[in-house]
C-alpha atoms as a PDB file:
ATOM      1  CA  PRO A   1      42.927 147.010  94.169  1.00  0.00           C
ATOM      2  CA  PHE A   2      44.173 144.532  96.714  1.00  0.00           C
ATOM      3  CA  LEU A   3      46.575 144.473  99.656  1.00  0.00           C
ATOM      4  CA  LEU A   4      49.365 141.880  99.492  1.00  0.00           C
ATOM      5  CA  VAL A   5      50.659 140.750 102.896  1.00  0.00           C
ATOM      6  CA  ILE A   6      53.936 138.803 102.877  1.00  0.00           C
ATOM      7  CA  SER A   7      54.638 137.227 106.263  1.00  0.00           C
ATOM      8  CA  GLU A   8      56.888 134.249 105.503  1.00  0.00           C
ATOM      9  CA  ASN A   9      60.491 134.028 104.392  1.00  0.00           C
ATOM     10  CA  ILE A  10      60.383 133.810 100.584  1.00  0.00           C
ATOM     11  CA  HIS A  11      63.226 131.274 100.628  1.00  0.00           C
ATOM     12  CA  LEU A  12      61.304 128.983 102.994  1.00  0.00           C
ATOM     13  CA  GLN A  13      58.048 129.340 101.063  1.00  0.00           C
ATOM     14  CA  PRO A  14      59.129 130.147  97.505  1.00  0.00           C
ATOM     15  CA  ASN A  15      56.350 131.031  95.105  1.00  0.00           C
ATOM     16  CA  PRO A  16      57.182 131.609  91.435  1.00  0.00           C
ATOM     17  CA  THR A  17      54.137 133.871  91.062  1.00  0.00           C
ATOM     18  CA  TYR A  18      55.304 136.294  93.774  1.00  0.00           C
ATOM     19  CA  PRO A  19      56.985 138.822  91.416  1.00  0.00           C
ATOM     20  CA  GLU A  20      53.977 138.727  89.113  1.00  0.00           C
ATOM     21  CA  ILE A  21      51.424 139.183  91.881  1.00  0.00           C
ATOM     22  CA  LYS A  22      53.365 141.934  93.663  1.00  0.00           C
ATOM     23  CA  LYS A  23      53.365 144.345  90.731  1.00  0.00           C
ATOM     24  CA  PHE A  24      49.559 144.199  90.505  1.00  0.00           C
ATOM     25  CA  ALA A  25      48.942 144.810  94.225  1.00  0.00           C
ATOM     26  CA  SER A  26      47.940 148.353  95.088  1.00  0.00           C
ATOM     27  CA  ARG A  27      49.843 148.108  98.388  1.00  0.00           C
ATOM     28  CA  VAL A  28      52.326 145.602  99.825  1.00  0.00           C
ATOM     29  CA  LEU A  29      53.118 144.833 103.465  1.00  0.00           C
ATOM     30  CA  THR A  30      56.337 142.862 103.912  1.00  0.00           C
ATOM     31  CA  TYR A  31      59.017 142.060 106.489  1.00  0.00           C
ATOM     32  CA  GLN A  32      61.686 142.757 103.820  1.00  0.00           C
ATOM     33  CA  HIS A  33      62.804 146.217 104.815  1.00  0.00           C
ATOM     34  CA  ASP A  34      65.034 146.687 101.776  1.00  0.00           C
ATOM     35  CA  GLU A  35      61.908 146.639  99.572  1.00  0.00           C
ATOM     36  CA  VAL A  36      60.174 149.440 101.467  1.00  0.00           C
ATOM     37  CA  ASP A  37      59.502 152.581  99.414  1.00  0.00           C
ATOM     38  CA  GLN A  38      56.828 154.205 101.655  1.00  0.00           C
ATOM     39  CA  ALA A  39      54.665 154.715  98.564  1.00  0.00           C
ATOM     40  CA  LYS A  40      53.465 151.236  97.706  1.00  0.00           C
ATOM     41  CA  THR A  41      55.536 148.905  99.904  1.00  0.00           C
ATOM     42  CA  PHE A  42      55.559 149.178 103.701  1.00  0.00           C
ATOM     43  CA  TRP A  43      57.361 147.272 106.443  1.00  0.00           C
ATOM     44  CA  LEU A  44      55.341 144.808 108.525  1.00  0.00           C
ATOM     45  CA  PRO A  45      57.413 143.395 111.413  1.00  0.00           C
ATOM     46  CA  TYR A  46      56.702 140.014 112.939  1.00  0.00           C
ATOM     47  CA  GLY A  47      53.691 140.203 115.295  1.00  0.00           C
ATOM     48  CA  LEU A  48      54.128 138.948 118.879  1.00  0.00           C
ATOM     49  CA  ASP A  49      52.153 139.140 122.097  1.00  0.00           C
ATOM     50  CA  LEU A  50      54.667 141.310 123.950  1.00  0.00           C
ATOM     51  CA  GLU A  51      52.559 141.729 127.082  1.00  0.00           C
ATOM     52  CA  ALA A  52      52.087 137.976 127.507  1.00  0.00           C
ATOM     53  CA  GLY A  53      55.815 137.497 126.956  1.00  0.00           C
ATOM     54  CA  LYS A  54      56.726 140.079 129.568  1.00  0.00           C
ATOM     55  CA  ARG A  55      54.294 138.516 132.050  1.00  0.00           C
ATOM     56  CA  PHE A  56      55.934 135.142 131.520  1.00  0.00           C
ATOM     57  CA  ARG A  57      59.360 136.664 132.088  1.00  0.00           C
ATOM     58  CA  GLN A  58      58.221 138.092 135.426  1.00  0.00           C
ATOM     59  CA  THR A  59      56.949 134.699 136.568  1.00  0.00           C
ATOM     60  CA  SER A  60      60.223 133.023 135.538  1.00  0.00           C
ATOM     61  CA  GLU A  61      62.482 135.415 137.454  1.00  0.00           C
ATOM     62  CA  GLY A  62      64.419 133.620 140.165  1.00  0.00           C
ATOM     63  CA  ILE A  63      63.596 130.050 139.113  1.00  0.00           C
ATOM     64  CA  PRO A  64      66.513 127.563 138.969  1.00  0.00           C
ATOM     65  CA  ARG A  65      68.346 127.387 135.641  1.00  0.00           C
ATOM     66  CA  PRO A  66      70.186 124.066 135.638  1.00  0.00           C
ATOM     67  CA  TYR A  67      71.144 124.290 131.942  1.00  0.00           C
ATOM     68  CA  LEU A  68      73.883 126.585 130.686  1.00  0.00           C
ATOM     69  CA  LEU A  69      72.539 126.550 127.134  1.00  0.00           C
ATOM     70  CA  GLY A  70      69.215 125.848 125.471  1.00  0.00           C
ATOM     71  CA  MET A  71      68.036 125.608 121.893  1.00  0.00           C
ATOM     72  CA  ILE A  72      64.621 124.521 120.623  1.00  0.00           C
ATOM     73  CA  ASN A  73      64.682 124.080 116.866  1.00  0.00           C
ATOM     74  CA  ALA A  74      64.313 121.275 114.385  1.00  0.00           C
ATOM     75  CA  TRP A  75      67.466 120.108 112.652  1.00  0.00           C
ATOM     76  CA  LYS A  76      67.260 121.404 109.087  1.00  0.00           C
ATOM     77  CA  LYS A  77      69.412 120.875 106.042  1.00  0.00           C
ATOM     78  CA  SER A  78      71.138 123.953 104.635  1.00  0.00           C
ATOM     79  CA  GLU A  79      69.457 124.645 101.305  1.00  0.00           C
ATOM     80  CA  MET A  80      68.408 128.283 100.878  1.00  0.00           C
ATOM     81  CA  PRO A  81      70.314 131.508 100.075  1.00  0.00           C
ATOM     82  CA  GLY A  82      72.123 132.902 103.103  1.00  0.00           C
ATOM     83  CA  ASP A  83      70.636 130.391 105.528  1.00  0.00           C
ATOM     84  CA  LEU A  84      72.172 129.831 108.944  1.00  0.00           C
ATOM     85  CA  TYR A  85      71.125 126.192 109.315  1.00  0.00           C
ATOM     86  CA  ALA A  86      74.555 124.651 108.690  1.00  0.00           C
ATOM     87  CA  ARG A  87      76.279 127.037 111.090  1.00  0.00           C
ATOM     88  CA  ARG A  88      73.558 126.652 113.726  1.00  0.00           C
ATOM     89  CA  ASN A  89      73.751 122.862 113.459  1.00  0.00           C
ATOM     90  CA  TRP A  90      77.553 122.857 113.711  1.00  0.00           C
ATOM     91  CA  ILE A  91      77.657 125.117 116.768  1.00  0.00           C
ATOM     92  CA  ALA A  92      74.743 123.445 118.572  1.00  0.00           C
ATOM     93  CA  MET A  93      76.117 119.932 118.133  1.00  0.00           C
ATOM     94  CA  GLY A  94      79.622 121.016 119.101  1.00  0.00           C
ATOM     95  CA  ALA A  95      78.309 122.632 122.277  1.00  0.00           C
ATOM     96  CA  GLY A  96      76.119 119.612 123.029  1.00  0.00           C
ATOM     97  CA  LYS A  97      79.048 117.209 122.816  1.00  0.00           C
ATOM     98  CA  ILE A  98      80.864 119.238 125.474  1.00  0.00           C
ATOM     99  CA  LEU A  99      77.985 120.198 127.775  1.00  0.00           C
ATOM    100  CA  GLY A 100      75.982 116.977 127.680  1.00  0.00           C
ATOM    101  CA  SER A 101      73.294 117.178 130.351  1.00  0.00           C
ATOM    102  CA  LYS A 102      74.099 120.870 130.940  1.00  0.00           C
ATOM    103  CA  MET A 103      72.492 121.678 127.586  1.00  0.00           C
ATOM    104  CA  TYR A 104      68.813 121.442 126.665  1.00  0.00           C
ATOM    105  CA  LEU A 105      68.437 120.801 122.932  1.00  0.00           C
ATOM    106  CA  ALA A 106      64.950 119.878 121.723  1.00  0.00           C
ATOM    107  CA  GLY A 107      63.350 119.484 118.326  1.00  0.00           C
ATOM    108  CA  PRO A 108      62.913 116.821 115.657  1.00  0.00           C
ATOM    109  CA  GLY A 109      65.749 115.546 113.501  1.00  0.00           C
ATOM    110  CA  TRP A 110      68.823 115.805 115.747  1.00  0.00           C
ATOM    111  CA  ALA A 111      69.175 112.012 116.021  1.00  0.00           C
ATOM    112  CA  GLN A 112      68.708 111.210 112.325  1.00  0.00           C
ATOM    113  CA  PRO A 113      71.586 110.072 110.048  1.00  0.00           C
ATOM    114  CA  LEU A 114      71.554 113.361 108.097  1.00  0.00           C
ATOM    115  CA  VAL A 115      73.046 115.232 111.056  1.00  0.00           C
ATOM    116  CA  TYR A 116      76.444 113.662 110.422  1.00  0.00           C
ATOM    117  CA  ALA A 117      78.813 115.620 108.212  1.00  0.00           C
ATOM    118  CA  LYS A 118      80.479 112.746 106.356  1.00  0.00           C
ATOM    119  CA  LYS A 119      78.834 110.378 103.915  1.00  0.00           C
ATOM    120  CA  TRP A 120      80.307 107.260 105.539  1.00  0.00           C
ATOM    121  CA  GLN A 121      78.925 108.388 108.904  1.00  0.00           C
ATOM    122  CA  ARG A 122      75.435 108.819 107.456  1.00  0.00           C
ATOM    123  CA  SER A 123      75.652 105.443 105.742  1.00  0.00           C
ATOM    124  CA  LEU A 124      76.760 103.674 108.919  1.00  0.00           C
ATOM    125  CA  ALA A 125      74.184 105.533 111.016  1.00  0.00           C
ATOM    126  CA  LYS A 126      71.439 103.973 108.923  1.00  0.00           C
ATOM    127  CA  ARG A 127      72.827 100.479 109.559  1.00  0.00           C
ATOM    128  CA  ILE A 128      74.626 100.628 112.918  1.00  0.00           C
ATOM    129  CA  PRO A 129      73.391 103.764 114.757  1.00  0.00           C
ATOM    130  CA  ALA A 130      74.842 102.711 118.122  1.00  0.00           C
ATOM    131  CA  LEU A 131      78.351 102.474 116.647  1.00  0.00           C
ATOM    132  CA  VAL A 132      78.199 105.923 115.055  1.00  0.00           C
ATOM    133  CA  ARG A 133      76.814 107.398 118.253  1.00  0.00           C
ATOM    134  CA  TRP A 134      79.758 105.910 120.175  1.00  0.00           C
ATOM    135  CA  VAL A 135      82.339 107.102 117.612  1.00  0.00           C
ATOM    136  CA  THR A 136      80.992 110.640 117.156  1.00  0.00           C
ATOM    137  CA  GLY A 137      79.585 111.276 120.617  1.00  0.00           C
ATOM    138  CA  TRP A 138      76.274 112.316 119.137  1.00  0.00           C
ATOM    139  CA  PRO A 139      73.430 112.352 120.026  1.00  0.00           C
ATOM    140  CA  ASN A 140      74.071 112.388 123.773  1.00  0.00           C
ATOM    141  CA  SER A 141      72.269 113.587 126.898  1.00  0.00           C
ATOM    142  CA  ALA A 142      72.072 117.152 125.527  1.00  0.00           C
ATOM    143  CA  TYR A 143      69.334 116.061 123.128  1.00  0.00           C
ATOM    144  CA  ARG A 144      65.886 115.851 124.748  1.00  0.00           C
ATOM    145  CA  GLY A 145      63.780 114.774 121.777  1.00  0.00           C
ATOM    146  CA  THR A 146      60.759 116.719 120.573  1.00  0.00           C
ATOM    147  CA  LEU A 147      58.702 118.967 122.839  1.00  0.00           C
ATOM    148  CA  PRO A 148      54.954 118.319 123.020  1.00  0.00           C
ATOM    149  CA  LEU A 149      52.699 120.551 120.974  1.00  0.00           C
ATOM    150  CA  GLY A 150      51.455 123.657 122.718  1.00  0.00           C
ATOM    151  CA  ASN A 151      53.188 126.240 124.878  1.00  0.00           C
ATOM    152  CA  ALA A 152      56.161 124.159 126.033  1.00  0.00           C
ATOM    153  CA  LYS A 153      58.924 126.241 124.456  1.00  0.00           C
ATOM    154  CA  LEU A 154      59.103 129.133 126.935  1.00  0.00           C
ATOM    155  CA  PRO A 155      59.002 126.937 130.087  1.00  0.00           C
ATOM    156  CA  ALA A 156      61.837 124.841 128.632  1.00  0.00           C
ATOM    157  CA  LEU A 157      63.969 127.876 127.792  1.00  0.00           C
ATOM    158  CA  ALA A 158      63.239 129.408 131.197  1.00  0.00           C
ATOM    159  CA  ARG A 159      65.433 126.681 132.706  1.00  0.00           C
ATOM    160  CA  CYS A 160      68.420 127.799 130.615  1.00  0.00           C
ATOM    161  CA  GLU A 161      70.863 130.626 131.227  1.00  0.00           C
ATOM    162  CA  PHE A 162      71.658 131.220 127.537  1.00  0.00           C
ATOM    163  CA  ALA A 163      69.581 130.433 124.443  1.00  0.00           C
ATOM    164  CA  LEU A 164      70.935 129.825 120.946  1.00  0.00           C
ATOM    165  CA  VAL A 165      68.418 131.668 118.737  1.00  0.00           C
ATOM    166  CA  PRO A 166      69.801 132.613 115.286  1.00  0.00           C
ATOM    167  CA  GLU A 167      67.384 133.433 112.490  1.00  0.00           C
ATOM    168  CA  ASN A 168      66.782 130.919 109.701  1.00  0.00           C
ATOM    169  CA  CYS A 169      68.746 133.110 107.308  1.00  0.00           C
ATOM    170  CA  SER A 170      70.875 136.245 107.241  1.00  0.00           C
ATOM    171  CA  SER A 171      70.163 137.436 103.704  1.00  0.00           C
ATOM    172  CA  LEU A 172      66.878 139.316 104.227  1.00  0.00           C
ATOM    173  CA  ALA A 173      66.972 142.774 105.812  1.00  0.00           C
ATOM    174  CA  GLY A 174      64.124 143.208 108.280  1.00  0.00           C
ATOM    175  CA  TYR A 175      63.581 139.463 108.742  1.00  0.00           C
ATOM    176  CA  ILE A 176      63.337 139.294 112.547  1.00  0.00           C
ATOM    177  CA  THR A 177      61.188 136.492 113.908  1.00  0.00           C
ATOM    178  CA  GLU A 178      60.051 135.258 117.314  1.00  0.00           C
ATOM    179  CA  LYS A 179      63.335 133.470 118.102  1.00  0.00           C
ATOM    180  CA  ILE A 180      65.245 136.202 119.953  1.00  0.00           C
ATOM    181  CA  PHE A 181      62.021 137.374 121.620  1.00  0.00           C
ATOM    182  CA  ASN A 182      61.356 133.881 122.987  1.00  0.00           C
ATOM    183  CA  ALA A 183      64.773 133.965 124.643  1.00  0.00           C
ATOM    184  CA  LEU A 184      64.024 137.375 126.169  1.00  0.00           C
ATOM    185  CA  PHE A 185      60.553 136.281 127.314  1.00  0.00           C
ATOM    186  CA  ALA A 186      62.115 133.237 129.004  1.00  0.00           C
ATOM    187  CA  GLY A 187      64.687 135.404 130.793  1.00  0.00           C
ATOM    188  CA  CYS A 188      67.603 133.897 128.849  1.00  0.00           C
ATOM    189  CA  ILE A 189      70.576 135.704 127.381  1.00  0.00           C
ATOM    190  CA  PRO A 190      70.156 135.329 123.589  1.00  0.00           C
ATOM    191  CA  ILE A 191      72.979 134.120 121.351  1.00  0.00           C
ATOM    192  CA  TYR A 192      71.791 135.639 118.098  1.00  0.00           C
ATOM    193  CA  GLN A 193      72.659 136.148 114.455  1.00  0.00           C
ATOM    194  CA  GLY A 194      70.526 137.608 111.683  1.00  0.00           C
ATOM    195  CA  HIS A 195      70.910 140.079 108.839  1.00  0.00           C
ATOM    196  CA  PRO A 196      73.860 142.473 109.344  1.00  0.00           C
ATOM    197  CA  ASP A 197      71.370 145.354 109.615  1.00  0.00           C
ATOM    198  CA  SER A 198      69.385 143.702 112.419  1.00  0.00           C
ATOM    199  CA  SER A 199      71.025 146.041 114.943  1.00  0.00           C
ATOM    200  CA  ARG A 200      68.769 148.741 113.478  1.00  0.00           C
ATOM    201  CA  TRP A 201      65.981 147.138 115.532  1.00  0.00           C
ATOM    202  CA  LEU A 202      67.821 144.896 118.002  1.00  0.00           C
ATOM    203  CA  PRO A 203      70.424 146.735 120.103  1.00  0.00           C
ATOM    204  CA  ARG A 204      73.739 144.919 120.385  1.00  0.00           C
ATOM    205  CA  GLU A 205      73.704 145.069 124.177  1.00  0.00           C
ATOM    206  CA  ILE A 206      70.796 142.601 124.466  1.00  0.00           C
ATOM    207  CA  PHE A 207      72.506 139.557 122.916  1.00  0.00           C
ATOM    208  CA  VAL A 208      75.768 137.696 122.368  1.00  0.00           C
ATOM    209  CA  PRO A 209      76.625 137.606 118.612  1.00  0.00           C
ATOM    210  CA  MET A 210      76.758 134.017 117.338  1.00  0.00           C
ATOM    211  CA  ASP A 211      79.022 134.974 114.439  1.00  0.00           C
ATOM    212  CA  GLN A 212      81.922 135.621 116.818  1.00  0.00           C
ATOM    213  CA  PHE A 213      82.280 131.899 117.522  1.00  0.00           C
ATOM    214  CA  ALA A 214      84.239 129.562 115.261  1.00  0.00           C
ATOM    215  CA  ASP A 215      82.572 126.478 116.730  1.00  0.00           C
ATOM    216  CA  GLY A 216      80.613 125.133 119.654  1.00  0.00           C
ATOM    217  CA  ALA A 217      83.701 124.622 121.829  1.00  0.00           C
ATOM    218  CA  THR A 218      84.694 128.289 121.473  1.00  0.00           C
ATOM    219  CA  MET A 219      81.188 129.340 122.407  1.00  0.00           C
ATOM    220  CA  VAL A 220      81.047 127.100 125.485  1.00  0.00           C
ATOM    221  CA  ASP A 221      84.392 128.466 126.721  1.00  0.00           C
ATOM    222  CA  PHE A 222      83.092 132.021 126.287  1.00  0.00           C
ATOM    223  CA  LEU A 223      79.818 131.369 128.102  1.00  0.00           C
ATOM    224  CA  GLN A 224      81.459 129.539 130.986  1.00  0.00           C
ATOM    225  CA  ALA A 225      83.983 132.353 131.463  1.00  0.00           C
ATOM    226  CA  MET A 226      81.429 135.188 131.381  1.00  0.00           C
ATOM    227  CA  PRO A 227      81.417 137.096 134.707  1.00  0.00           C
ATOM    228  CA  GLN A 228      78.147 137.237 136.611  1.00  0.00           C
ATOM    229  CA  LYS A 229      78.156 141.030 136.368  1.00  0.00           C
ATOM    230  CA  LYS A 230      78.186 140.827 132.563  1.00  0.00           C
ATOM    231  CA  LYS A 231      75.321 138.329 132.620  1.00  0.00           C
ATOM    232  CA  GLU A 232      73.221 140.665 134.741  1.00  0.00           C
ATOM    233  CA  GLU A 233      73.993 143.579 132.411  1.00  0.00           C
ATOM    234  CA  LEU A 234      72.790 141.571 129.409  1.00  0.00           C
ATOM    235  CA  LYS A 235      69.644 140.457 131.218  1.00  0.00           C
ATOM    236  CA  GLN A 236      68.820 143.998 132.325  1.00  0.00           C
ATOM    237  CA  ALA A 237      69.375 145.274 128.785  1.00  0.00           C
ATOM    238  CA  GLY A 238      66.889 142.640 127.598  1.00  0.00           C
ATOM    239  CA  ARG A 239      64.296 143.795 130.130  1.00  0.00           C
ATOM    240  CA  ASN A 240      64.795 147.407 129.114  1.00  0.00           C
ATOM    241  CA  PHE A 241      64.419 146.532 125.433  1.00  0.00           C
ATOM    242  CA  LEU A 242      61.081 144.790 125.991  1.00  0.00           C
ATOM    243  CA  ASP A 243      59.807 147.892 127.815  1.00  0.00           C
ATOM    244  CA  ARG A 244      60.869 150.405 125.166  1.00  0.00           C
ATOM    245  CA  GLU A 245      58.195 152.187 123.187  1.00  0.00           C
ATOM    246  CA  GLU A 246      59.895 151.408 119.857  1.00  0.00           C
ATOM    247  CA  THR A 247      59.754 147.667 120.643  1.00  0.00           C
ATOM    248  CA  ARG A 248      55.972 147.884 120.402  1.00  0.00           C
ATOM    249  CA  GLN A 249      56.316 147.798 116.614  1.00  0.00           C
ATOM    250  CA  PHE A 250      56.740 144.024 117.090  1.00  0.00           C
ATOM    251  CA  ASP A 251      53.489 143.686 119.066  1.00  0.00           C
ATOM    252  CA  ILE A 252      50.491 141.980 117.467  1.00  0.00           C
ATOM    253  CA  SER A 253      48.442 145.144 118.032  1.00  0.00           C
ATOM    254  CA  ALA A 254      50.859 147.094 115.826  1.00  0.00           C
ATOM    255  CA  TRP A 255      50.701 144.301 113.244  1.00  0.00           C
ATOM    256  CA  THR A 256      46.910 144.446 112.990  1.00  0.00           C
ATOM    257  CA  SER A 257      46.895 148.259 113.047  1.00  0.00           C
ATOM    258  CA  ALA A 258      49.323 148.351 110.111  1.00  0.00           C
ATOM    259  CA  ILE A 259      47.053 146.116 108.058  1.00  0.00           C
ATOM    260  CA  LYS A 260      43.946 148.141 108.906  1.00  0.00           C
ATOM    261  CA  GLU A 261      45.732 151.407 108.139  1.00  0.00           C
ATOM    262  CA  GLN A 262      46.757 150.212 104.678  1.00  0.00           C
ATOM    263  CA  ILE A 263      43.309 148.800 103.922  1.00  0.00           C
ATOM    264  CA  PHE A 264      41.631 152.117 104.725  1.00  0.00           C
ATOM    265  CA  ALA A 265      44.319 154.108 102.898  1.00  0.00           C
ATOM    266  CA  ASP A 266      43.791 151.910  99.849  1.00  0.00           C
ATOM    267  CA  ARG A 267      40.049 152.315 100.086  1.00  0.00           C
ATOM    268  CA  LYS A 268      40.334 156.109 100.340  1.00  0.00           C
ATOM    269  CA  SER A 269      42.722 156.238  97.393  1.00  0.00           C
ATOM    270  CA  THR A 270      40.397 154.105  95.290  1.00  0.00           C
ATOM    271  CA  ARG A 271      37.432 156.316  96.199  1.00  0.00           C
ATOM    272  CA  LEU A 272      39.267 159.414  95.007  1.00  0.00           C
ATOM    273  CA  ASN A 273      40.303 157.803  91.743  1.00  0.00           C
ATOM    274  CA  SER A 274      37.044 156.094  90.827  1.00  0.00           C
ATOM    275  CA  SER A 275      33.621 157.292  89.817  1.00  0.00           C
ATOM    276  CA  HIS A 276      32.030 154.194  91.355  1.00  0.00           C
ATOM    277  CA  GLU A 277      30.510 154.325  94.825  1.00  0.00           C
ATOM    278  CA  TRP A 278      31.499 151.889  97.595  1.00  0.00           C
END
């Protein structure tokens, strides 16, 4: 018997042996909630250090937030089932062209030729990047390059009022990663999109749905027009969510406990069904 733990998006890390391996595992722990049967397959949410995140949020309360919008993600090409890369790229770049220095966009790839939608733009960007930048208005002062390795993400987001934090894809029920939590830890108001069933775990009152915006310009208009009272309501809802008992299922302690529980349950089951001693 063995325990199979699946912790990465199968579209990001595809493995052709996955279906073959899974059927031989005695127990499976996975983030894919639609596979859960409570007999062999159990849900294992993403594991985060909630207490450290809440402590950071407390220290960031009241600090200046000169940026209306922040996003820290690498530019990625849309290439997997149900991914949100193309939409995220489109909205982030559209917002960046409008906000300029009022946006904090960091991560590799946003200045490469592939970011441009048209083939002639990509071709020219390889030869005359300054011309394409002037014609398209991208990249501009919204793009800050790549953050240094380490714990730079939360301090950067803590200077932003809103954070664009969609999941990598919307096709996997139960796939909820650190992205929206990083926004909450940094005291930002998340702009989020994931699987349609994500509201089962993430209450709607803690984020602004990204799928309501047609483009970056629409989103910027919405954020700029949001009353201060509404902003405070969203921020308070985020604080309340982090303090809820049910949110602890995303804590690293719950993650390790789930693994230990299944290991011991598997061991007990094997003991009862085998004449061999451990």
